[in-house]
Amino acid sequence: MPDTHVESGAMEGWIGRQEVLEDEAALPIVRRLAALLDLDPLAYRRGDALPEGWHSVFFAPVARQSQLGPDGHPRKGDFLPPVPLPRRMFAGRRLRYLAPITIGAEIRRTSTIAAITPKVGRTGKMVFVRVDHVVEMDGKPVLTELHDIVYREEAKPGAGAPPKAEAPVELPPADDRQAYAPQTVTLFRYSALTYNGHRIHYDQPYTTQEEGYPGLVVNGGLHALFLHEMAKRNLPGGRLGRFAVRNVNPFFVGREGELRCTHQPDGSLSLWAVNEAGRIIAQAEAAAEPGDLA
């Protein structure tokens, strides 16, 4: 059994560590993402503005095969701290869109470990790691992102499934609704685009036997991507300045969920992804102006 003891100050030396990655907002990748979203791939051309949210398929990890952990993620201890908990999940992100990325442009991302916070929750010990990203094009910032990653203890039997007794949350009336039921091919194509090797998205025996989930887990980044698209449909001009999303509960392939959007009096949007029982999968806020990030 691995040692999962986590001291609050044990990894403070990792705070401030940086990583710089370079990529290209390549047209073929943009067109593949458009196809995933059931949009016309040929409508996107080199020199166009990249739609907000689509940057998430760039800066994919390029760890060598020998550097992958048993869950399919790159092993910890290089850039990310060596948190002594085995399960890693995307918890949420807060974004400010400062200027458009040009399709075909060279882009650069500087990532900084901003905080490492141990907590204890319903499923046991957790560690939240916040990574702050700044993406630049032509030497100027085009977006900032505060990215939250959560590490959790080894799964206990049935731990991956939400408690059945919990009642659905009452949400305000929706101004826009959309069915949300990603299938295995959706997960495969999204994981391929993002070079995401996390086995909970494609390896059913591993997902159920090792991580304790009842089925393949839909990528948290996929929720964020579809909520981005709904937000843009509901904002004036179809452009985003600020977007924040938090994953609340896991969602599984084969389930029938829904995306919802409600307009707020200040012009911002509140958005949710909910599962077949009405429980929140992810919740988001969006606005046309960049504003400040909490």
Foldseek 3Di string as FASTA:
>chain_A
DFDQDDDFCPVVVLAFQKDKDKDWLALVLLLLVCVLVVHHSVVDDFFDFRAPLSCLLPPFDDDDPVQADPQQHGAADPNHHNRRADDKAWFKKKKFFAATDTRGFMKMKMKGFHHWGWDADPQGIKIKIWIKIFMDTPRHTGMIMTTIMMGHHWADAQRQDDDPVDAADDDPDFPDKDKDADALVSLVSSCVSNVRRRCLSPPFCCVCPGRNHPARWRHPSVVVSVVLQVQLVQAVVSHFRIKIKGFDHTDHHPWIKMKGWDADPVRKIKIFIATPRNHTGMIMITHRHNDDDD
